[in-house]
C-alpha atoms as a PDB file:
ATOM      1  CA  UNK A   1     -12.706  37.957 143.939  1.00  0.00           C
ATOM      2  CA  UNK A   2     -10.733  39.808 146.615  1.00  0.00           C
ATOM      3  CA  UNK A   3     -10.572  37.660 149.743  1.00  0.00           C
ATOM      4  CA  UNK A   4     -11.003  39.663 152.963  1.00  0.00           C
ATOM      5  CA  UNK A   5     -10.217  38.669 156.564  1.00  0.00           C
ATOM      6  CA  UNK A   6     -11.080  41.035 159.438  1.00  0.00           C
ATOM      7  CA  UNK A   7      -9.559  41.435 162.901  1.00  0.00           C
ATOM      8  CA  UNK A   8     -11.609  43.381 165.465  1.00  0.00           C
ATOM      9  CA  UNK A   9     -12.612  42.859 169.086  1.00  0.00           C
ATOM     10  CA  UNK A  10     -16.050  44.373 168.418  1.00  0.00           C
ATOM     11  CA  UNK A  11     -18.615  41.811 167.252  1.00  0.00           C
ATOM     12  CA  UNK A  12     -20.854  44.627 166.036  1.00  0.00           C
ATOM     13  CA  UNK A  13     -18.033  46.000 163.893  1.00  0.00           C
ATOM     14  CA  UNK A  14     -17.319  42.572 162.414  1.00  0.00           C
ATOM     15  CA  UNK A  15     -21.003  42.065 161.597  1.00  0.00           C
ATOM     16  CA  UNK A  16     -21.085  45.462 159.924  1.00  0.00           C
ATOM     17  CA  UNK A  17     -17.982  44.710 157.849  1.00  0.00           C
ATOM     18  CA  UNK A  18     -19.308  41.293 156.861  1.00  0.00           C
ATOM     19  CA  UNK A  19     -22.618  42.787 155.701  1.00  0.00           C
ATOM     20  CA  UNK A  20     -20.850  45.553 153.786  1.00  0.00           C
ATOM     21  CA  UNK A  21     -18.379  43.271 152.036  1.00  0.00           C
ATOM     22  CA  UNK A  22     -21.048  40.668 151.229  1.00  0.00           C
ATOM     23  CA  UNK A  23     -22.942  43.284 149.200  1.00  0.00           C
ATOM     24  CA  UNK A  24     -19.957  43.847 146.926  1.00  0.00           C
ATOM     25  CA  UNK A  25     -19.731  41.555 143.889  1.00  0.00           C
ATOM     26  CA  UNK A  26     -15.937  41.443 143.723  1.00  0.00           C
ATOM     27  CA  UNK A  27     -15.242  41.013 147.459  1.00  0.00           C
ATOM     28  CA  UNK A  28     -15.487  37.867 149.584  1.00  0.00           C
ATOM     29  CA  UNK A  29     -15.579  37.928 153.402  1.00  0.00           C
ATOM     30  CA  UNK A  30     -13.704  34.749 154.331  1.00  0.00           C
ATOM     31  CA  UNK A  31     -13.266  35.029 158.107  1.00  0.00           C
ATOM     32  CA  UNK A  32     -12.753  37.066 161.262  1.00  0.00           C
ATOM     33  CA  UNK A  33     -11.013  37.039 164.652  1.00  0.00           C
ATOM     34  CA  UNK A  34     -11.185  39.176 167.809  1.00  0.00           C
ATOM     35  CA  UNK A  35      -7.402  39.497 168.203  1.00  0.00           C
ATOM     36  CA  UNK A  36      -4.089  38.477 166.618  1.00  0.00           C
ATOM     37  CA  UNK A  37      -3.168  35.696 169.073  1.00  0.00           C
ATOM     38  CA  UNK A  38      -3.055  33.085 166.263  1.00  0.00           C
ATOM     39  CA  UNK A  39      -2.565  35.434 163.357  1.00  0.00           C
ATOM     40  CA  UNK A  40       0.075  33.429 161.476  1.00  0.00           C
ATOM     41  CA  UNK A  41      -1.900  30.169 161.611  1.00  0.00           C
ATOM     42  CA  UNK A  42      -5.042  32.044 160.568  1.00  0.00           C
ATOM     43  CA  UNK A  43      -3.298  33.650 157.601  1.00  0.00           C
ATOM     44  CA  UNK A  44      -1.863  30.320 156.458  1.00  0.00           C
ATOM     45  CA  UNK A  45      -5.281  28.673 156.701  1.00  0.00           C
ATOM     46  CA  UNK A  46      -7.465  31.338 155.090  1.00  0.00           C
ATOM     47  CA  UNK A  47      -4.940  32.899 152.676  1.00  0.00           C
ATOM     48  CA  UNK A  48      -6.612  36.322 152.404  1.00  0.00           C
ATOM     49  CA  UNK A  49      -5.682  38.965 149.851  1.00  0.00           C
ATOM     50  CA  UNK A  50      -6.472  41.854 152.175  1.00  0.00           C
ATOM     51  CA  UNK A  51      -6.648  42.009 155.972  1.00  0.00           C
ATOM     52  CA  UNK A  52      -8.747  44.642 157.723  1.00  0.00           C
ATOM     53  CA  UNK A  53      -6.784  45.170 160.936  1.00  0.00           C
ATOM     54  CA  UNK A  54      -8.024  46.887 164.087  1.00  0.00           C
ATOM     55  CA  UNK A  55      -5.257  48.255 166.332  1.00  0.00           C
ATOM     56  CA  UNK A  56      -6.648  48.234 169.853  1.00  0.00           C
ATOM     57  CA  UNK A  57      -7.397  44.573 170.646  1.00  0.00           C
ATOM     58  CA  UNK A  58      -6.793  42.391 173.747  1.00  0.00           C
ATOM     59  CA  UNK A  59      -3.948  39.841 174.103  1.00  0.00           C
ATOM     60  CA  UNK A  60      -2.175  40.519 170.790  1.00  0.00           C
ATOM     61  CA  UNK A  61      -2.992  43.872 169.180  1.00  0.00           C
ATOM     62  CA  UNK A  62      -3.094  44.937 165.555  1.00  0.00           C
ATOM     63  CA  UNK A  63       0.384  46.450 165.436  1.00  0.00           C
ATOM     64  CA  UNK A  64       1.928  43.163 166.551  1.00  0.00           C
ATOM     65  CA  UNK A  65      -0.349  41.283 164.147  1.00  0.00           C
ATOM     66  CA  UNK A  66       0.773  43.531 161.311  1.00  0.00           C
ATOM     67  CA  UNK A  67       4.408  42.849 162.150  1.00  0.00           C
ATOM     68  CA  UNK A  68       3.884  39.079 162.158  1.00  0.00           C
ATOM     69  CA  UNK A  69       2.000  39.103 158.858  1.00  0.00           C
ATOM     70  CA  UNK A  70       4.481  41.296 156.990  1.00  0.00           C
ATOM     71  CA  UNK A  71       7.468  39.358 158.355  1.00  0.00           C
ATOM     72  CA  UNK A  72       6.128  35.959 157.310  1.00  0.00           C
ATOM     73  CA  UNK A  73       3.629  36.627 154.517  1.00  0.00           C
ATOM     74  CA  UNK A  74       4.566  39.998 152.983  1.00  0.00           C
ATOM     75  CA  UNK A  75       2.303  39.469 149.964  1.00  0.00           C
ATOM     76  CA  UNK A  76      -0.807  39.932 152.135  1.00  0.00           C
ATOM     77  CA  UNK A  77      -2.062  43.530 152.100  1.00  0.00           C
ATOM     78  CA  UNK A  78      -2.940  44.942 155.525  1.00  0.00           C
ATOM     79  CA  UNK A  79      -5.394  47.827 155.795  1.00  0.00           C
ATOM     80  CA  UNK A  80      -5.398  49.353 159.263  1.00  0.00           C
ATOM     81  CA  UNK A  81      -8.895  50.345 160.391  1.00  0.00           C
ATOM     82  CA  UNK A  82      -9.302  51.912 163.789  1.00  0.00           C
ATOM     83  CA  UNK A  83     -11.133  54.509 165.832  1.00  0.00           C
ATOM     84  CA  UNK A  84      -7.853  56.120 166.811  1.00  0.00           C
ATOM     85  CA  UNK A  85      -6.097  58.840 164.803  1.00  0.00           C
ATOM     86  CA  UNK A  86      -3.017  58.950 167.014  1.00  0.00           C
ATOM     87  CA  UNK A  87       0.120  60.042 165.126  1.00  0.00           C
ATOM     88  CA  UNK A  88       2.381  57.500 166.799  1.00  0.00           C
ATOM     89  CA  UNK A  89       0.086  54.587 165.875  1.00  0.00           C
ATOM     90  CA  UNK A  90      -0.127  55.865 162.305  1.00  0.00           C
ATOM     91  CA  UNK A  91       3.671  56.042 162.075  1.00  0.00           C
ATOM     92  CA  UNK A  92       4.099  52.530 163.511  1.00  0.00           C
ATOM     93  CA  UNK A  93       1.454  51.134 161.154  1.00  0.00           C
ATOM     94  CA  UNK A  94       2.959  52.649 158.029  1.00  0.00           C
ATOM     95  CA  UNK A  95       6.567  51.828 158.906  1.00  0.00           C
ATOM     96  CA  UNK A  96       5.377  48.346 159.889  1.00  0.00           C
ATOM     97  CA  UNK A  97       4.272  47.700 156.320  1.00  0.00           C
ATOM     98  CA  UNK A  98       0.574  48.614 156.334  1.00  0.00           C
ATOM     99  CA  UNK A  99      -0.804  49.326 152.864  1.00  0.00           C
ATOM    100  CA  UNK A 100      -3.320  51.849 154.129  1.00  0.00           C
ATOM    101  CA  UNK A 101      -4.966  53.468 157.105  1.00  0.00           C
ATOM    102  CA  UNK A 102      -8.684  54.227 157.405  1.00  0.00           C
ATOM    103  CA  UNK A 103     -10.884  55.317 160.282  1.00  0.00           C
ATOM    104  CA  UNK A 104     -13.869  53.293 161.452  1.00  0.00           C
ATOM    105  CA  UNK A 105     -15.920  56.435 160.928  1.00  0.00           C
ATOM    106  CA  UNK A 106     -15.172  56.403 157.196  1.00  0.00           C
ATOM    107  CA  UNK A 107     -18.133  55.854 154.886  1.00  0.00           C
ATOM    108  CA  UNK A 108     -18.987  52.422 153.495  1.00  0.00           C
ATOM    109  CA  UNK A 109     -17.992  53.629 150.024  1.00  0.00           C
ATOM    110  CA  UNK A 110     -14.607  54.825 151.296  1.00  0.00           C
ATOM    111  CA  UNK A 111     -13.899  51.504 153.034  1.00  0.00           C
ATOM    112  CA  UNK A 112     -14.703  49.482 149.909  1.00  0.00           C
ATOM    113  CA  UNK A 113     -12.606  51.843 147.787  1.00  0.00           C
ATOM    114  CA  UNK A 114      -9.673  51.502 150.220  1.00  0.00           C
ATOM    115  CA  UNK A 115      -9.825  47.697 150.032  1.00  0.00           C
ATOM    116  CA  UNK A 116      -9.654  47.761 146.227  1.00  0.00           C
ATOM    117  CA  UNK A 117      -6.875  50.371 146.236  1.00  0.00           C
ATOM    118  CA  UNK A 118      -4.555  48.355 148.489  1.00  0.00           C
ATOM    119  CA  UNK A 119      -5.365  45.115 146.646  1.00  0.00           C
ATOM    120  CA  UNK A 120      -4.261  46.744 143.406  1.00  0.00           C
ATOM    121  CA  UNK A 121      -0.989  47.814 144.998  1.00  0.00           C
ATOM    122  CA  UNK A 122      -1.869  51.361 145.947  1.00  0.00           C
ATOM    123  CA  UNK A 123      -1.683  53.065 149.327  1.00  0.00           C
ATOM    124  CA  UNK A 124      -5.007  54.180 150.746  1.00  0.00           C
ATOM    125  CA  UNK A 125      -5.022  56.747 153.550  1.00  0.00           C
ATOM    126  CA  UNK A 126      -7.941  58.676 155.005  1.00  0.00           C
ATOM    127  CA  UNK A 127      -7.414  62.424 154.204  1.00  0.00           C
ATOM    128  CA  UNK A 128      -7.356  63.365 157.895  1.00  0.00           C
ATOM    129  CA  UNK A 129      -4.758  60.650 158.480  1.00  0.00           C
ATOM    130  CA  UNK A 130      -2.673  61.886 155.546  1.00  0.00           C
ATOM    131  CA  UNK A 131      -2.551  65.291 157.203  1.00  0.00           C
ATOM    132  CA  UNK A 132      -1.417  63.658 160.458  1.00  0.00           C
ATOM    133  CA  UNK A 133       1.368  61.847 158.607  1.00  0.00           C
ATOM    134  CA  UNK A 134       2.607  65.101 157.074  1.00  0.00           C
ATOM    135  CA  UNK A 135       2.526  66.762 160.494  1.00  0.00           C
ATOM    136  CA  UNK A 136       4.408  63.824 162.024  1.00  0.00           C
ATOM    137  CA  UNK A 137       7.256  64.144 159.545  1.00  0.00           C
ATOM    138  CA  UNK A 138       7.305  67.953 159.495  1.00  0.00           C
ATOM    139  CA  UNK A 139      10.349  69.660 161.039  1.00  0.00           C
ATOM    140  CA  UNK A 140       9.896  70.010 164.774  1.00  0.00           C
ATOM    141  CA  UNK A 141       9.896  73.392 166.463  1.00  0.00           C
ATOM    142  CA  UNK A 142      13.026  72.931 168.565  1.00  0.00           C
ATOM    143  CA  UNK A 143      12.506  75.849 170.907  1.00  0.00           C
ATOM    144  CA  UNK A 144      10.901  74.076 173.860  1.00  0.00           C
ATOM    145  CA  UNK A 145      14.012  74.367 176.030  1.00  0.00           C
ATOM    146  CA  UNK A 146      14.045  78.162 175.703  1.00  0.00           C
ATOM    147  CA  UNK A 147      11.748  80.303 177.852  1.00  0.00           C
ATOM    148  CA  UNK A 148       8.981  82.231 176.033  1.00  0.00           C
ATOM    149  CA  UNK A 149      10.974  85.470 176.376  1.00  0.00           C
ATOM    150  CA  UNK A 150      14.153  83.825 175.087  1.00  0.00           C
ATOM    151  CA  UNK A 151      12.191  82.511 172.115  1.00  0.00           C
ATOM    152  CA  UNK A 152      10.898  86.006 171.356  1.00  0.00           C
ATOM    153  CA  UNK A 153      14.412  87.475 171.627  1.00  0.00           C
ATOM    154  CA  UNK A 154      15.918  84.827 169.329  1.00  0.00           C
ATOM    155  CA  UNK A 155      13.124  85.236 166.770  1.00  0.00           C
ATOM    156  CA  UNK A 156      13.540  89.029 166.785  1.00  0.00           C
ATOM    157  CA  UNK A 157      17.327  88.808 166.413  1.00  0.00           C
ATOM    158  CA  UNK A 158      16.911  86.310 163.567  1.00  0.00           C
ATOM    159  CA  UNK A 159      14.620  88.822 161.846  1.00  0.00           C
ATOM    160  CA  UNK A 160      17.480  91.319 161.858  1.00  0.00           C
ATOM    161  CA  UNK A 161      16.576  93.501 164.805  1.00  0.00           C
ATOM    162  CA  UNK A 162      19.357  95.040 166.912  1.00  0.00           C
ATOM    163  CA  UNK A 163      19.509  94.585 170.695  1.00  0.00           C
ATOM    164  CA  UNK A 164      18.005  98.056 171.110  1.00  0.00           C
ATOM    165  CA  UNK A 165      15.235  97.354 168.602  1.00  0.00           C
ATOM    166  CA  UNK A 166      14.446  94.077 170.358  1.00  0.00           C
ATOM    167  CA  UNK A 167      14.331  95.869 173.710  1.00  0.00           C
ATOM    168  CA  UNK A 168      11.935  98.474 172.338  1.00  0.00           C
ATOM    169  CA  UNK A 169       9.834  95.834 170.567  1.00  0.00           C
ATOM    170  CA  UNK A 170       9.467  93.668 173.674  1.00  0.00           C
ATOM    171  CA  UNK A 171       9.204  96.556 176.093  1.00  0.00           C
ATOM    172  CA  UNK A 172      12.223  95.525 178.161  1.00  0.00           C
ATOM    173  CA  UNK A 173      15.628  97.049 178.904  1.00  0.00           C
ATOM    174  CA  UNK A 174      18.744  96.634 176.785  1.00  0.00           C
ATOM    175  CA  UNK A 175      20.435  94.739 179.620  1.00  0.00           C
ATOM    176  CA  UNK A 176      17.484  92.314 179.809  1.00  0.00           C
ATOM    177  CA  UNK A 177      17.862  91.515 176.112  1.00  0.00           C
ATOM    178  CA  UNK A 178      21.588  91.053 176.636  1.00  0.00           C
ATOM    179  CA  UNK A 179      20.901  88.686 179.543  1.00  0.00           C
ATOM    180  CA  UNK A 180      18.401  86.650 177.495  1.00  0.00           C
ATOM    181  CA  UNK A 181      20.896  86.437 174.638  1.00  0.00           C
ATOM    182  CA  UNK A 182      23.635  85.091 176.939  1.00  0.00           C
ATOM    183  CA  UNK A 183      21.202  82.435 178.198  1.00  0.00           C
ATOM    184  CA  UNK A 184      20.354  81.498 174.610  1.00  0.00           C
ATOM    185  CA  UNK A 185      24.048  81.122 173.758  1.00  0.00           C
ATOM    186  CA  UNK A 186      24.567  78.822 176.749  1.00  0.00           C
ATOM    187  CA  UNK A 187      21.556  76.650 175.935  1.00  0.00           C
ATOM    188  CA  UNK A 188      22.481  76.357 172.252  1.00  0.00           C
ATOM    189  CA  UNK A 189      26.178  75.839 173.032  1.00  0.00           C
ATOM    190  CA  UNK A 190      27.190  78.680 170.705  1.00  0.00           C
ATOM    191  CA  UNK A 191      29.143  81.915 171.128  1.00  0.00           C
ATOM    192  CA  UNK A 192      27.979  84.417 168.519  1.00  0.00           C
ATOM    193  CA  UNK A 193      24.888  86.105 167.133  1.00  0.00           C
ATOM    194  CA  UNK A 194      25.634  84.693 163.689  1.00  0.00           C
ATOM    195  CA  UNK A 195      25.578  81.151 165.059  1.00  0.00           C
ATOM    196  CA  UNK A 196      22.318  81.883 166.887  1.00  0.00           C
ATOM    197  CA  UNK A 197      20.634  83.137 163.722  1.00  0.00           C
ATOM    198  CA  UNK A 198      21.958  80.192 161.694  1.00  0.00           C
ATOM    199  CA  UNK A 199      20.663  77.751 164.318  1.00  0.00           C
ATOM    200  CA  UNK A 200      17.245  79.431 164.294  1.00  0.00           C
ATOM    201  CA  UNK A 201      16.731  79.126 160.552  1.00  0.00           C
ATOM    202  CA  UNK A 202      18.032  75.572 160.480  1.00  0.00           C
ATOM    203  CA  UNK A 203      15.825  74.289 163.288  1.00  0.00           C
ATOM    204  CA  UNK A 204      12.635  76.332 163.244  1.00  0.00           C
END
């Protein structure tokens, strides 16, 4: 039997989880709490295999609860289950030692599958969350400090266009392109077109 403890500040959610888990032959719902204020004492008393952890709770939230559990009782698997799909919370949960991340909107079948996956040592992540994780760790587009026109000029130069070609392409004068390029050099702290192109392909 896989012993399950749930943290959630919604009584309706806890009732739903209890009913769901009680219908599964190999799962046992052993307890629940509305926040992580006494999480360490609770874990030591109930000794769960898997914790279903909400994030947004009063007093002591799920991220702090996760940290306490993994610091003191790392063998306990923590499955984050929340209504939020915020990238920062996902990152903090995963780096904090969570074994998985599911949404409260996931199907009953998916929730039960996730519990078994993390219990067996796997990492269970909702597909939409997996996409968020990939986006979070993807290279950032480091062009925010350039104006839209400067971005267009740098992109065009990086594609191999000459100043004149860029001017024609953007519908501006040669001197305007030259002015934008000087501004780009200053902002990137470089002094040549080659450096500008190298910076573009390294950072974008």
